Protein backbone atom coordinates (compact mmCIF):
# COMPACT_ATOMS: atom_id res chain seq x y z
CA UNK A 1 116.87 95.73 170.01
CA UNK A 2 118.15 92.42 171.81
CA UNK A 3 115.74 89.85 172.90
CA UNK A 4 116.19 88.03 176.29
CA UNK A 5 114.79 84.95 176.54
CA UNK A 6 115.32 83.26 180.47
CA UNK A 7 115.40 79.83 180.35
CA UNK A 8 118.10 78.80 183.18
CA UNK A 9 114.99 77.43 185.59
CA UNK A 10 114.68 73.74 186.47
CA UNK A 11 111.34 73.35 185.49
CA UNK A 12 110.74 70.30 188.12
CA UNK A 13 106.75 70.94 188.33
CA UNK A 14 106.47 69.78 185.07
CA UNK A 15 107.62 66.15 185.75
CA UNK A 16 108.52 63.87 183.70
CA UNK A 17 108.54 66.44 180.47
CA UNK A 18 111.49 68.05 181.76
CA UNK A 19 113.49 64.99 182.68
CA UNK A 20 115.45 65.09 179.54
CA UNK A 21 115.15 68.69 178.28
CA UNK A 22 114.56 72.32 179.61
CA UNK A 23 111.07 73.45 179.91
CA UNK A 24 111.44 75.49 177.02
CA UNK A 25 111.24 72.85 174.90
CA UNK A 26 107.74 71.39 175.94
CA UNK A 27 106.21 70.52 172.47
CA UNK A 28 103.11 72.83 172.26
CA UNK A 29 101.81 71.36 169.31
CA UNK A 30 102.42 69.72 165.33
CA UNK A 31 105.94 69.66 166.81
CA UNK A 32 106.41 72.93 167.82
CA UNK A 33 108.05 74.00 171.10
CA UNK A 34 107.92 77.23 173.50
CA UNK A 35 111.26 77.92 172.04
CA UNK A 36 110.31 77.89 168.39
CA UNK A 37 107.29 79.57 168.86
CA UNK A 38 109.00 82.66 170.43
CA UNK A 39 111.95 82.42 168.41
CA UNK A 40 109.72 82.43 165.18
CA UNK A 41 107.54 85.41 166.69
CA UNK A 42 110.75 87.32 167.28
CA UNK A 43 111.87 86.81 163.78
CA UNK A 44 109.21 87.73 162.52
CA UNK A 45 108.90 91.20 164.41
CA UNK A 46 112.36 91.75 163.23
CA UNK A 47 114.16 91.27 165.96
CA UNK A 48 117.72 90.10 164.80
CA UNK A 49 119.64 89.23 167.86
CA UNK A 50 118.96 87.34 170.71
CA UNK A 51 120.60 86.53 174.21
CA UNK A 52 119.41 83.24 176.00
CA UNK A 53 120.23 82.33 179.43
CA UNK A 54 120.57 78.57 180.07
CA UNK A 55 120.59 76.29 183.11
CA UNK A 56 120.03 72.45 183.42
CA UNK A 57 120.11 70.59 180.16
CA UNK A 58 121.87 73.35 178.21
CA UNK A 59 123.45 70.99 175.77
CA UNK A 60 120.05 69.68 174.63
CA UNK A 61 118.93 73.03 174.09
CA UNK A 62 121.97 74.15 172.71
CA UNK A 63 121.91 71.63 170.27
CA UNK A 64 118.20 72.54 169.27
CA UNK A 65 119.19 76.32 168.79
CA UNK A 66 121.82 75.29 166.26
CA UNK A 67 118.97 72.90 164.31
CA UNK A 68 116.78 75.75 164.18
CA UNK A 69 119.25 77.84 162.33
CA UNK A 70 117.98 81.11 160.72
CA UNK A 71 119.28 84.48 160.17
CA UNK A 72 118.95 85.79 164.05
CA UNK A 73 122.24 86.13 165.92
CA UNK A 74 121.95 83.71 169.52
CA UNK A 75 124.12 83.90 172.03
CA UNK A 76 123.64 81.46 175.14
CA UNK A 77 124.78 82.46 178.69
CA UNK A 78 125.04 79.47 180.96
CA UNK A 79 124.35 80.03 184.82
CA UNK A 80 126.89 77.40 186.82
CA UNK A 81 124.85 77.97 189.70
CA UNK A 82 121.08 77.52 187.95
CA UNK A 83 119.85 75.11 190.85
CA UNK A 84 120.31 77.27 193.97
CA UNK A 85 119.83 80.82 192.38
CA UNK A 86 117.21 82.74 190.36
CA UNK A 87 116.97 84.39 186.99
CA UNK A 88 118.31 87.34 188.66
CA UNK A 89 121.84 85.75 188.83
CA UNK A 90 121.16 84.56 185.24
CA UNK A 91 120.57 88.02 184.41
CA UNK A 92 123.64 89.21 186.26
CA UNK A 93 125.97 86.54 184.20
CA UNK A 94 124.51 87.77 180.95
CA UNK A 95 124.83 91.52 181.69
CA UNK A 96 127.41 92.07 179.03
CA UNK A 97 125.59 91.21 176.37
CA UNK A 98 122.70 93.42 177.47
CA UNK A 99 123.66 97.00 176.69
CA UNK A 100 120.87 97.63 173.94
CA UNK A 101 116.82 98.31 174.51
CA UNK A 102 115.76 94.91 175.75
CA UNK A 103 112.80 92.65 175.20
CA UNK A 104 112.90 90.34 177.82
CA UNK A 105 110.85 87.34 178.04
CA UNK A 106 110.32 84.01 180.69
CA UNK A 107 111.44 80.89 178.30
CA UNK A 108 107.99 79.45 179.36
CA UNK A 109 105.71 82.23 178.16
CA UNK A 110 103.29 81.64 175.41
CA UNK A 111 101.65 84.76 173.60
CA UNK A 112 99.70 86.01 171.22
CA UNK A 113 101.68 88.16 168.05
CA UNK A 114 99.60 91.20 169.07
CA UNK A 115 101.24 90.81 172.66
CA UNK A 116 104.40 91.46 171.03
CA UNK A 117 103.71 93.79 168.36
CA UNK A 118 102.02 96.02 170.87
CA UNK A 119 105.17 96.07 173.15
CA UNK A 120 107.43 96.76 170.30
CA UNK A 121 105.22 99.36 168.99
CA UNK A 122 105.20 101.65 171.82
CA UNK A 123 107.36 104.15 172.57
CA UNK A 124 107.78 103.90 176.21
CA UNK A 125 109.09 100.59 178.51
CA UNK A 126 106.50 98.67 179.29
CA UNK A 127 105.25 95.50 181.16
CA UNK A 128 102.49 92.99 179.79
CA UNK A 129 99.21 93.34 181.97
CA UNK A 130 95.85 92.70 181.53
CA UNK A 131 92.95 94.91 183.52
CA UNK A 132 90.15 92.13 182.29
CA UNK A 133 92.20 88.77 183.31
CA UNK A 134 91.53 87.66 186.87
CA UNK A 135 94.36 88.04 189.79
CA UNK A 136 96.31 84.85 190.02
CA UNK A 137 97.25 83.58 193.00
CA UNK A 138 100.93 82.62 192.36
CA UNK A 139 101.84 84.70 189.29
CA UNK A 140 102.95 88.20 188.81
CA UNK A 141 100.67 91.17 189.72
CA UNK A 142 101.68 94.80 188.66
CA UNK A 143 100.35 97.77 191.61
CA UNK A 144 100.17 101.07 189.18
CA UNK A 145 100.10 104.28 190.58
CA UNK A 146 99.61 107.34 188.42
CA UNK A 147 100.21 105.42 185.08
CA UNK A 148 103.79 103.81 186.61
CA UNK A 149 104.17 100.37 187.76
CA UNK A 150 105.35 100.90 191.12
CA UNK A 151 105.63 97.28 192.37
CA UNK A 152 105.74 93.92 190.36
CA UNK A 153 105.16 90.77 192.71
CA UNK A 154 103.48 87.62 193.32
CA UNK A 155 102.23 88.90 196.58
CA UNK A 156 100.72 92.08 195.62
CA UNK A 157 96.94 92.42 195.03
CA UNK A 158 95.70 96.03 196.35
CA UNK A 159 95.34 98.40 193.37
CA UNK A 160 97.12 95.37 190.94
CA UNK A 161 96.44 93.66 187.81
CA UNK A 162 97.17 90.75 186.36
CA UNK A 163 100.80 90.82 184.48
CA UNK A 164 103.23 88.75 182.70
CA UNK A 165 107.40 88.90 182.39
CA UNK A 166 107.10 90.31 178.82
CA UNK A 167 108.83 93.85 178.75
CA UNK A 168 109.97 96.19 176.18
CA UNK A 169 112.52 98.09 177.86
CA UNK A 170 114.32 101.40 176.57
CA UNK A 171 118.02 101.14 177.27
CA UNK A 172 118.03 104.21 179.81
CA UNK A 173 115.59 102.01 181.89
CA UNK A 174 116.97 98.95 181.48
CA UNK A 175 120.37 100.28 182.71
CA UNK A 176 118.60 101.30 185.81
CA UNK A 177 117.13 98.03 186.48
CA UNK A 178 120.34 96.36 185.67
CA UNK A 179 122.39 98.32 188.03
CA UNK A 180 119.80 97.13 190.72
CA UNK A 181 120.28 93.78 189.69
CA UNK A 182 124.18 93.93 189.83
CA UNK A 183 123.89 95.73 193.54
CA UNK A 184 121.94 92.79 194.64
CA UNK A 185 123.68 90.02 193.07
CA UNK A 186 127.56 91.47 194.14
CA UNK A 187 126.07 92.07 197.95
CA UNK A 188 127.31 89.19 199.35
CA UNK A 189 123.32 88.15 200.50
CA UNK A 190 123.23 84.71 199.10
CA UNK A 191 119.11 85.45 199.33
CA UNK A 192 119.24 88.41 197.03
CA UNK A 193 120.48 85.73 194.12
CA UNK A 194 117.36 83.71 194.67
CA UNK A 195 114.74 86.18 194.46
CA UNK A 196 112.76 87.41 191.71
CA UNK A 197 114.51 90.03 189.16
CA UNK A 198 111.36 92.08 189.81
CA UNK A 199 112.67 92.59 193.45
CA UNK A 200 115.57 94.91 192.09
CA UNK A 201 113.30 96.59 190.05
CA UNK A 202 110.79 97.43 192.62
CA UNK A 203 113.58 99.44 194.39
CA UNK A 204 114.32 101.80 191.55
CA UNK A 205 110.50 102.00 190.22
CA UNK A 206 110.07 105.49 188.97
CA UNK A 207 113.40 106.73 189.75
CA UNK A 208 116.30 104.60 187.96
CA UNK A 209 113.54 102.70 185.82
CA UNK A 210 110.23 103.75 184.65
CA UNK A 211 107.75 100.79 183.23
CA UNK A 212 104.46 101.61 181.94
CA UNK A 213 101.68 98.98 181.99
CA UNK A 214 100.50 97.61 178.69
CA UNK A 215 97.09 96.49 178.77
CA UNK A 216 96.67 93.17 176.66
CA UNK A 217 92.97 92.79 177.63
CA UNK A 218 92.12 88.98 176.75
CA UNK A 219 95.12 88.17 174.36
CA UNK A 220 96.76 85.21 175.06
CA UNK A 221 99.74 85.55 177.31
CA UNK A 222 100.63 82.88 179.82
CA UNK A 223 103.52 80.94 181.84
CA UNK A 224 103.91 77.07 181.60
CA UNK A 225 104.16 76.53 184.90
CA UNK A 226 103.19 72.91 185.32
CA UNK A 227 101.24 70.14 183.40
CA UNK A 228 97.79 71.96 183.85
CA UNK A 229 99.19 75.14 182.76
CA UNK A 230 100.54 73.51 179.47
CA UNK A 231 97.05 71.66 178.92
CA UNK A 232 95.54 75.14 179.30
CA UNK A 233 97.99 76.78 176.63
CA UNK A 234 97.75 73.62 174.45
CA UNK A 235 93.55 74.38 174.51
CA UNK A 236 93.91 77.67 173.95
CA UNK A 237 96.29 77.35 170.78
CA UNK A 238 93.82 74.59 169.22
CA UNK A 239 92.28 76.21 166.14
CA UNK A 240 94.42 79.33 166.02
CA UNK A 241 96.08 80.04 162.87
CA UNK A 242 99.65 81.30 162.11
CA UNK A 243 99.45 83.98 159.63
CA UNK A 244 102.20 85.30 157.41
CA UNK A 245 101.90 88.49 156.30
CA UNK A 246 101.06 89.40 152.28
CA UNK A 247 101.07 92.57 150.58
CA UNK A 248 98.40 92.96 147.71
CA UNK A 249 100.13 92.22 144.57
CA UNK A 250 98.12 94.96 143.28
CA UNK A 251 96.14 97.78 144.49
CA UNK A 252 93.22 96.29 143.44
CA UNK A 253 93.64 92.67 145.29
CA UNK A 254 93.40 93.53 148.73
CA UNK A 255 90.54 91.09 148.69
CA UNK A 256 92.57 88.21 147.40
CA UNK A 257 95.71 89.24 149.71
CA UNK A 258 93.34 88.74 152.92
CA UNK A 259 92.16 85.31 151.62
CA UNK A 260 95.43 84.34 151.18
CA UNK A 261 96.78 85.44 154.56
CA UNK A 262 93.78 83.54 156.31
CA UNK A 263 93.92 80.44 154.21
CA UNK A 264 97.43 79.93 153.70
CA UNK A 265 97.27 80.22 149.86
CA UNK A 266 99.00 82.87 147.57
CA UNK A 267 96.61 85.76 146.25
CA UNK A 268 97.20 84.58 142.52
CA UNK A 269 95.93 81.31 143.59
CA UNK A 270 92.89 82.75 145.08
CA UNK A 271 92.32 84.86 142.03
CA UNK A 272 92.31 81.93 139.55
CA UNK A 273 89.83 80.54 141.99
CA UNK A 274 87.82 83.63 141.84
CA UNK A 275 88.40 84.20 138.23
CA UNK A 276 89.06 87.46 139.31
CA UNK A 277 92.23 89.89 139.69
CA UNK A 278 90.54 92.90 141.12
CA UNK A 279 87.83 94.35 143.50
CA UNK A 280 86.22 91.53 145.49
CA UNK A 281 82.56 91.65 146.65
CA UNK A 282 81.44 90.24 150.08
CA UNK A 283 80.00 87.22 148.51
CA UNK A 284 82.90 86.42 146.87
CA UNK A 285 85.30 86.92 150.04
CA UNK A 286 82.52 84.35 152.05
CA UNK A 287 82.13 81.66 149.57
CA UNK A 288 86.18 81.34 149.33
CA UNK A 289 86.63 81.26 152.74
CA UNK A 290 83.64 78.85 153.36
CA UNK A 291 84.98 76.71 150.57
CA UNK A 292 88.39 76.72 152.55
CA UNK A 293 86.83 75.58 155.50
CA UNK A 294 86.13 78.68 157.47
CA UNK A 295 83.37 79.66 159.49
CA UNK A 296 82.12 83.45 158.36
CA UNK A 297 79.75 85.34 160.29
CA UNK A 298 76.63 86.60 158.27
CA UNK A 299 76.34 89.41 160.68
CA UNK A 300 78.17 93.16 159.66
CA UNK A 301 79.13 94.92 162.67
CA UNK A 302 80.26 98.50 162.69
CA UNK A 303 82.99 99.24 165.35
CA UNK A 304 85.37 102.46 166.28
CA UNK A 305 88.67 100.79 167.56
CA UNK A 306 90.45 97.53 168.08
CA UNK A 307 89.12 97.05 171.36
CA UNK A 308 85.40 95.93 169.88
CA UNK A 309 87.08 93.60 167.60
CA UNK A 310 87.01 89.29 167.80
CA UNK A 311 90.08 87.54 167.89
CA UNK A 312 89.75 86.63 164.07
CA UNK A 313 88.02 88.91 161.46
CA UNK A 314 88.16 90.23 158.22
CA UNK A 315 87.40 94.47 158.24
CA UNK A 316 86.05 96.34 155.25
CA UNK A 317 87.38 99.89 155.99
CA UNK A 318 86.31 103.09 154.49
CA UNK A 319 89.88 104.81 153.26
CA UNK A 320 90.60 108.28 151.92
CA UNK A 321 91.23 106.39 148.32
CA UNK A 322 88.25 103.42 148.33
CA UNK A 323 86.56 100.93 150.68
CA UNK A 324 89.63 98.37 151.52
CA UNK A 325 89.80 94.67 152.54
CA UNK A 326 92.03 93.93 155.73
CA UNK A 327 92.40 91.63 158.14
CA UNK A 328 92.79 91.24 161.99
CA UNK A 329 94.29 88.42 163.74
CA UNK A 330 95.18 87.88 167.59
CA UNK A 331 95.72 91.57 168.21
CA UNK A 332 97.45 92.25 164.72
CA UNK A 333 96.36 94.23 161.99
CA UNK A 334 97.59 92.62 158.70
CA UNK A 335 96.94 95.20 156.13
CA UNK A 336 97.62 94.25 152.53
CA UNK A 337 98.33 97.81 151.44
CA UNK A 338 99.91 99.12 154.73
CA UNK A 339 101.81 96.12 156.42
CA UNK A 340 101.48 94.60 159.89
CA UNK A 341 100.93 96.83 162.60
CA UNK A 342 99.40 97.26 165.95
CA UNK A 343 96.54 99.84 165.19
CA UNK A 344 93.97 100.62 162.57
CA UNK A 345 95.04 102.33 159.08
CA UNK A 346 93.52 105.55 158.59
CA UNK A 347 89.70 105.43 158.07
CA UNK A 348 86.41 106.46 158.30
CA UNK A 349 83.82 103.80 158.56
CA UNK A 350 84.87 100.55 159.84
CA UNK A 351 82.76 96.71 159.59
CA UNK A 352 83.89 93.64 160.52
CA UNK A 353 82.67 90.25 160.14
CA UNK A 354 84.48 87.44 162.73
CA UNK A 355 85.88 84.58 161.27
CA UNK A 356 86.51 81.26 163.01
């Protein structure tokens, strides 16, 4: 799997924020830029290779990427005519680096970890859409027929859903789309270098390339096109906790592991505070969370599926072996025993308590 991040745009609608840097280096908060967040999410999901297209201020971006370091292999591909072409031509320039399953992301896209996890866990080629979000006027919509995305564009309103340029593409589907992109860019028609890459997809949809909608509901997913978008994204991110997965040290310490993930501590530290390195009860869970500054609902809610869950909550699951504490955060299950998942582990009765 190779991540393809498109960062060759000019970003003119961002005003002074992009006078000396590309849009992807816009700060979201606490010193983290859009590209920092994306690469951190990709690393956490196990992606080892990224191709990043560049345009204006490429030297600034390339230097920033070198400073980030890490174990991800990052290759940049410059579009020399970035100011007169669209990202379809940037993809064309990078085509020789893209012979793999592809995770395609626009460089100004900000999304929850759960959006990425659901895409990667899907067995088919997918695009992020939302059946609950209002149709945007200026951004992508996807038209679905018989379960397949047949058209993507900004002017699609009938039988359409809000959509974002986050695609998981199997190699066979990607090759069909890429061949269409190449035909566009080699046609000699300059307009076909200035259009969206999705125009090329629309010509092979359902034949050379099959992309299915992945409904993300109300999870965060949005592009930063202008200053107002940036303000909205910053507000949405404010107060959200970045969860680092922790496996339970013993099969009796699932509660301590959940508390540690939420509060940014270690299970051993939590166990020391509780004076308990075995099973934890609800009173202990609530006490540690509230002492750590969290709001915890007093209402226990039984549920059946992930679609019923609030964005952040602790879970009590009746597993085949025992009752078990787990955590759901922004579309991802962080289970102390089973790992990071896009859906629930096997369980009978299920309850949650909302956290803020």
